[in-house]
Amino acid sequence: MAYSKLKRHNDAIGAYRQAVKINPNYFYAWNNLGNAYNELNRTGDAVNAYRQALSIDPNRAYVWFNLGIAYLKSGNQAAALEVVRNLQRLNPEQANVLFGMIGPY
C-alpha cells in the first residue's frame, strides 16, 4: 500500500504479486494489485486482478466499481454495463455513478 501512495506503482505490483503468490486468497492484495495496474493503464491486468478479488468475495461493491472503471478505460462499455447490473444490488448509488460514466451506449 505504501508504494501505491508514493505513486510507485511498479513496486506496488511486485509487492502485491508476491503477496498473492504466498496467499492466493488475499482479497485486499488482489484488489490493490488491480488498482496499481489500473494506474498504469494496464487494464487487462487490472480486470484479471479485480476478477480474482471478486472470486474470493463477490459482495464488495467497491471492487465491482473498480472493475467497471477498468472496463471503461479499456473501451469495453458492454462489460462496464454488466458491472452496473451486478453493482446495482450491492450499492445502487455507485451503480448510478458508474452508469453515468458509461455515456451513450
Protein backbone atom coordinates (compact mmCIF):
# COMPACT_ATOMS: atom_id res chain seq x y z
CA MET A 1 0.00 0.00 0.00
CA ALA A 2 2.85 2.40 0.78
CA TYR A 3 4.23 2.05 -2.75
CA SER A 4 0.87 2.99 -4.25
CA LYS A 5 0.57 6.06 -2.04
CA LEU A 6 4.02 7.09 -3.23
CA LYS A 7 2.92 6.54 -6.85
CA ARG A 8 5.50 3.76 -7.18
CA HIS A 9 3.02 1.52 -8.95
CA ASN A 10 5.56 -0.89 -10.44
CA ASP A 11 6.98 -1.53 -6.97
CA ALA A 12 3.44 -1.96 -5.64
CA ILE A 13 2.69 -4.50 -8.36
CA GLY A 14 5.74 -6.50 -7.36
CA ALA A 15 4.76 -6.45 -3.70
CA TYR A 16 1.13 -7.40 -4.34
CA ARG A 17 2.12 -10.17 -6.75
CA GLN A 18 4.40 -11.59 -4.07
CA ALA A 19 1.58 -11.34 -1.51
CA VAL A 20 -0.91 -13.25 -3.69
CA LYS A 21 1.74 -15.81 -4.53
CA ILE A 22 2.10 -16.51 -0.81
CA ASN A 23 -1.65 -16.35 -0.18
CA PRO A 24 -3.81 -16.68 -3.32
CA ASN A 25 -6.91 -15.86 -1.25
CA TYR A 26 -5.61 -12.49 -0.09
CA PHE A 27 -8.57 -10.42 -1.21
CA TYR A 28 -7.12 -6.98 -0.46
CA ALA A 29 -3.89 -7.72 -2.29
CA TRP A 30 -5.83 -8.72 -5.42
CA ASN A 31 -7.89 -5.53 -5.29
CA ASN A 32 -4.85 -3.35 -4.68
CA LEU A 33 -2.98 -5.13 -7.46
CA GLY A 34 -5.85 -4.22 -9.76
CA ASN A 35 -5.64 -0.61 -8.61
CA ALA A 36 -1.91 -0.47 -9.32
CA TYR A 37 -2.39 -1.96 -12.77
CA ASN A 38 -5.23 0.48 -13.44
CA GLU A 39 -2.98 3.42 -12.52
CA LEU A 40 -0.55 2.27 -15.19
CA ASN A 41 -3.34 1.77 -17.74
CA ARG A 42 -2.73 -1.97 -17.77
CA THR A 43 -6.46 -2.52 -17.89
CA GLY A 44 -6.36 -6.17 -18.93
CA ASP A 45 -4.21 -7.00 -15.93
CA ALA A 46 -6.42 -4.82 -13.72
CA VAL A 47 -9.54 -6.67 -14.87
CA ASN A 48 -7.91 -10.02 -14.12
CA ALA A 49 -6.87 -8.90 -10.62
CA TYR A 50 -10.32 -7.48 -9.81
CA ARG A 51 -11.97 -10.65 -11.11
CA GLN A 52 -9.73 -12.68 -8.82
CA ALA A 53 -10.68 -10.49 -5.85
CA LEU A 54 -14.37 -10.92 -6.71
CA SER A 55 -13.95 -14.68 -6.93
CA ILE A 56 -12.89 -14.54 -3.28
CA ASP A 57 -15.58 -12.10 -2.16
CA PRO A 58 -18.23 -11.09 -4.72
CA ASN A 59 -20.03 -8.80 -2.28
CA ARG A 60 -17.56 -5.92 -2.25
CA ALA A 61 -19.21 -3.08 -4.15
CA TYR A 62 -16.02 -1.04 -4.44
CA VAL A 63 -14.28 -3.85 -6.33
CA TRP A 64 -17.18 -4.06 -8.77
CA PHE A 65 -16.86 -0.30 -9.21
CA ASN A 66 -13.10 -0.60 -9.79
CA LEU A 67 -13.74 -3.35 -12.34
CA GLY A 68 -16.22 -1.12 -14.14
CA ILE A 69 -13.68 1.70 -14.29
CA ALA A 70 -11.10 -0.68 -15.77
CA TYR A 71 -13.58 -1.78 -18.42
CA LEU A 72 -14.38 1.83 -19.27
CA LYS A 73 -10.68 2.70 -19.54
CA SER A 74 -10.28 -0.20 -21.96
CA GLY A 75 -13.26 0.96 -24.03
CA ASN A 76 -15.44 -2.03 -23.15
CA GLN A 77 -18.76 -0.32 -22.44
CA ALA A 78 -20.74 -3.57 -22.69
CA ALA A 79 -18.71 -5.14 -19.88
CA ALA A 80 -18.99 -1.95 -17.81
CA LEU A 81 -22.77 -2.07 -18.24
CA GLU A 82 -22.79 -5.65 -16.99
CA VAL A 83 -20.84 -4.49 -13.95
CA VAL A 84 -23.52 -1.84 -13.34
CA ARG A 85 -26.10 -4.62 -13.22
CA ASN A 86 -24.08 -6.53 -10.64
CA LEU A 87 -23.30 -3.41 -8.66
CA GLN A 88 -26.96 -2.36 -8.53
CA ARG A 89 -27.79 -4.99 -5.92
CA LEU A 90 -24.82 -4.08 -3.70
CA ASN A 91 -24.67 -0.31 -3.94
CA PRO A 92 -27.24 1.42 -6.16
CA GLU A 93 -25.55 4.81 -5.70
CA GLN A 94 -22.22 3.54 -7.02
CA ALA A 95 -24.07 1.75 -9.82
CA ASN A 96 -25.66 5.05 -10.85
CA VAL A 97 -22.31 6.84 -10.79
CA LEU A 98 -20.74 4.16 -12.98
CA PHE A 99 -23.74 4.16 -15.31
CA GLY A 100 -23.36 7.92 -15.70
CA MET A 101 -19.73 7.43 -16.73
CA ILE A 102 -20.65 5.00 -19.49
CA GLY A 103 -22.30 7.63 -21.65
CA PRO A 104 -24.33 6.83 -24.75
CA TYR A 105 -24.36 3.12 -25.43
